[in-house]
Amino acid sequence: MIIALVLILVITNSVAQVFLKLGAVQNKPTLLIIINIYTIIGYSLFFLATLLSVYLLKFISFKELTVIIALNYVFTFLLSILLLKERFTGRKVLSNLLIVSGVIVFNL
């Protein structure tokens, strides 16, 4: 159950970042970027993720949660390729491999 909630947390954070990107790239004045539907959804998902993080701290340590949350970058990288059609470079791949390596080493 806890593992599923942690996975939901990571995915929620990553999807929120994608929505914020969708809101930011619109060719509109700054105020309209802040209050468009994509931005509102993104911030709402971040709020839900924050509540879920607080709940998860009842069951796992802050140290463990912090390490797991680092996987947000990997999921966001994958979602940006799949949904936003962003290019991936060797540098981005290397960065994500380092993140995954750090998570593995930290959890040994």
Protein backbone atom coordinates (compact mmCIF):
# COMPACT_ATOMS: atom_id res chain seq x y z
CA MET A 1 0.00 0.00 0.00
CA ILE A 2 2.75 2.46 0.97
CA ILE A 3 4.78 1.64 -2.14
CA ALA A 4 1.73 2.33 -4.30
CA LEU A 5 1.20 5.69 -2.57
CA VAL A 6 4.85 6.63 -3.08
CA LEU A 7 4.56 5.76 -6.77
CA ILE A 8 1.38 7.86 -7.01
CA LEU A 9 3.26 10.72 -5.33
CA VAL A 10 6.12 10.58 -7.83
CA ILE A 11 3.77 10.36 -10.82
CA THR A 12 1.58 13.18 -9.49
CA ASN A 13 4.60 15.46 -9.12
CA SER A 14 5.80 14.61 -12.62
CA VAL A 15 2.40 15.16 -14.23
CA ALA A 16 2.10 18.47 -12.36
CA GLN A 17 5.38 19.61 -13.88
CA VAL A 18 4.16 18.69 -17.36
CA PHE A 19 0.98 20.73 -16.83
CA LEU A 20 3.03 23.72 -15.65
CA LYS A 21 5.18 23.45 -18.77
CA LEU A 22 2.05 23.35 -20.95
CA GLY A 23 0.78 26.46 -19.20
CA ALA A 24 4.09 28.30 -19.47
CA VAL A 25 4.66 27.79 -23.20
CA GLN A 26 1.40 29.42 -24.22
CA ASN A 27 1.89 32.70 -26.03
CA LYS A 28 -0.11 34.84 -23.64
CA PRO A 29 0.53 37.74 -21.27
CA THR A 30 2.07 36.74 -17.93
CA LEU A 31 -1.14 37.08 -15.93
CA LEU A 32 -3.01 34.78 -18.32
CA ILE A 33 -0.21 32.21 -18.09
CA ILE A 34 -0.57 32.19 -14.32
CA ILE A 35 -4.33 31.67 -14.36
CA ASN A 36 -4.78 29.34 -17.34
CA ILE A 37 -6.24 25.86 -16.89
CA TYR A 38 -2.92 24.01 -17.32
CA THR A 39 -1.23 26.07 -14.63
CA ILE A 40 -4.16 25.69 -12.25
CA ILE A 41 -4.16 21.90 -12.76
CA GLY A 42 -0.38 21.78 -12.24
CA TYR A 43 -0.52 23.70 -8.97
CA SER A 44 -3.51 21.66 -7.80
CA LEU A 45 -1.58 18.44 -8.42
CA PHE A 46 1.39 19.85 -6.49
CA PHE A 47 -0.95 20.64 -3.60
CA LEU A 48 -2.28 17.06 -3.64
CA ALA A 49 1.28 15.73 -3.78
CA THR A 50 2.19 17.84 -0.76
CA LEU A 51 -0.73 16.41 1.22
CA LEU A 52 0.26 12.89 0.16
CA SER A 53 3.87 13.56 1.22
CA VAL A 54 2.76 14.62 4.68
CA TYR A 55 0.60 11.50 4.96
CA LEU A 56 3.46 9.24 3.84
CA LEU A 57 5.76 10.70 6.49
CA LYS A 58 3.66 8.82 9.04
CA PHE A 59 4.93 5.55 7.56
CA ILE A 60 8.40 6.19 6.13
CA SER A 61 11.29 8.38 7.21
CA PHE A 62 11.93 11.80 5.76
CA LYS A 63 15.29 10.57 4.47
CA GLU A 64 13.68 7.73 2.53
CA LEU A 65 10.94 9.93 1.13
CA THR A 66 13.44 12.54 -0.01
CA VAL A 67 15.48 9.95 -1.88
CA ILE A 68 12.41 8.46 -3.55
CA ILE A 69 11.14 11.89 -4.58
CA ALA A 70 14.37 12.31 -6.55
CA LEU A 71 12.78 9.91 -9.04
CA ASN A 72 10.44 12.76 -10.01
CA TYR A 73 13.16 13.98 -12.35
CA VAL A 74 13.28 10.65 -14.15
CA PHE A 75 9.51 10.43 -14.59
CA THR A 76 9.34 14.08 -15.68
CA PHE A 77 12.09 13.42 -18.23
CA LEU A 78 10.14 10.47 -19.65
CA LEU A 79 6.83 12.34 -19.69
CA SER A 80 8.41 15.33 -21.41
CA ILE A 81 9.62 13.05 -24.19
CA LEU A 82 6.32 11.20 -24.53
CA LEU A 83 3.82 14.03 -24.05
CA LEU A 84 5.68 17.22 -24.91
CA LYS A 85 7.79 15.72 -27.70
CA GLU A 86 10.94 17.24 -26.22
CA ARG A 87 14.29 16.04 -27.49
CA PHE A 88 16.47 14.05 -25.20
CA THR A 89 20.20 14.52 -25.26
CA GLY A 90 23.06 12.45 -23.98
CA ARG A 91 23.47 14.92 -21.16
CA LYS A 92 19.86 14.45 -20.03
CA VAL A 93 20.17 10.66 -20.22
CA LEU A 94 23.40 10.76 -18.21
CA SER A 95 21.81 13.06 -15.64
CA ASN A 96 18.88 10.69 -15.17
CA LEU A 97 21.18 7.68 -14.91
CA LEU A 98 23.09 9.48 -12.17
CA ILE A 99 19.84 10.19 -10.32
CA VAL A 100 18.78 6.54 -10.50
CA SER A 101 22.27 5.44 -9.42
CA GLY A 102 22.12 7.80 -6.46
CA VAL A 103 18.73 6.46 -5.40
CA ILE A 104 20.02 2.88 -5.62
CA VAL A 105 23.23 3.61 -3.70
CA PHE A 106 21.41 5.63 -1.04
CA ASN A 107 18.97 2.77 -0.43
CA LEU A 108 21.61 0.04 -0.02
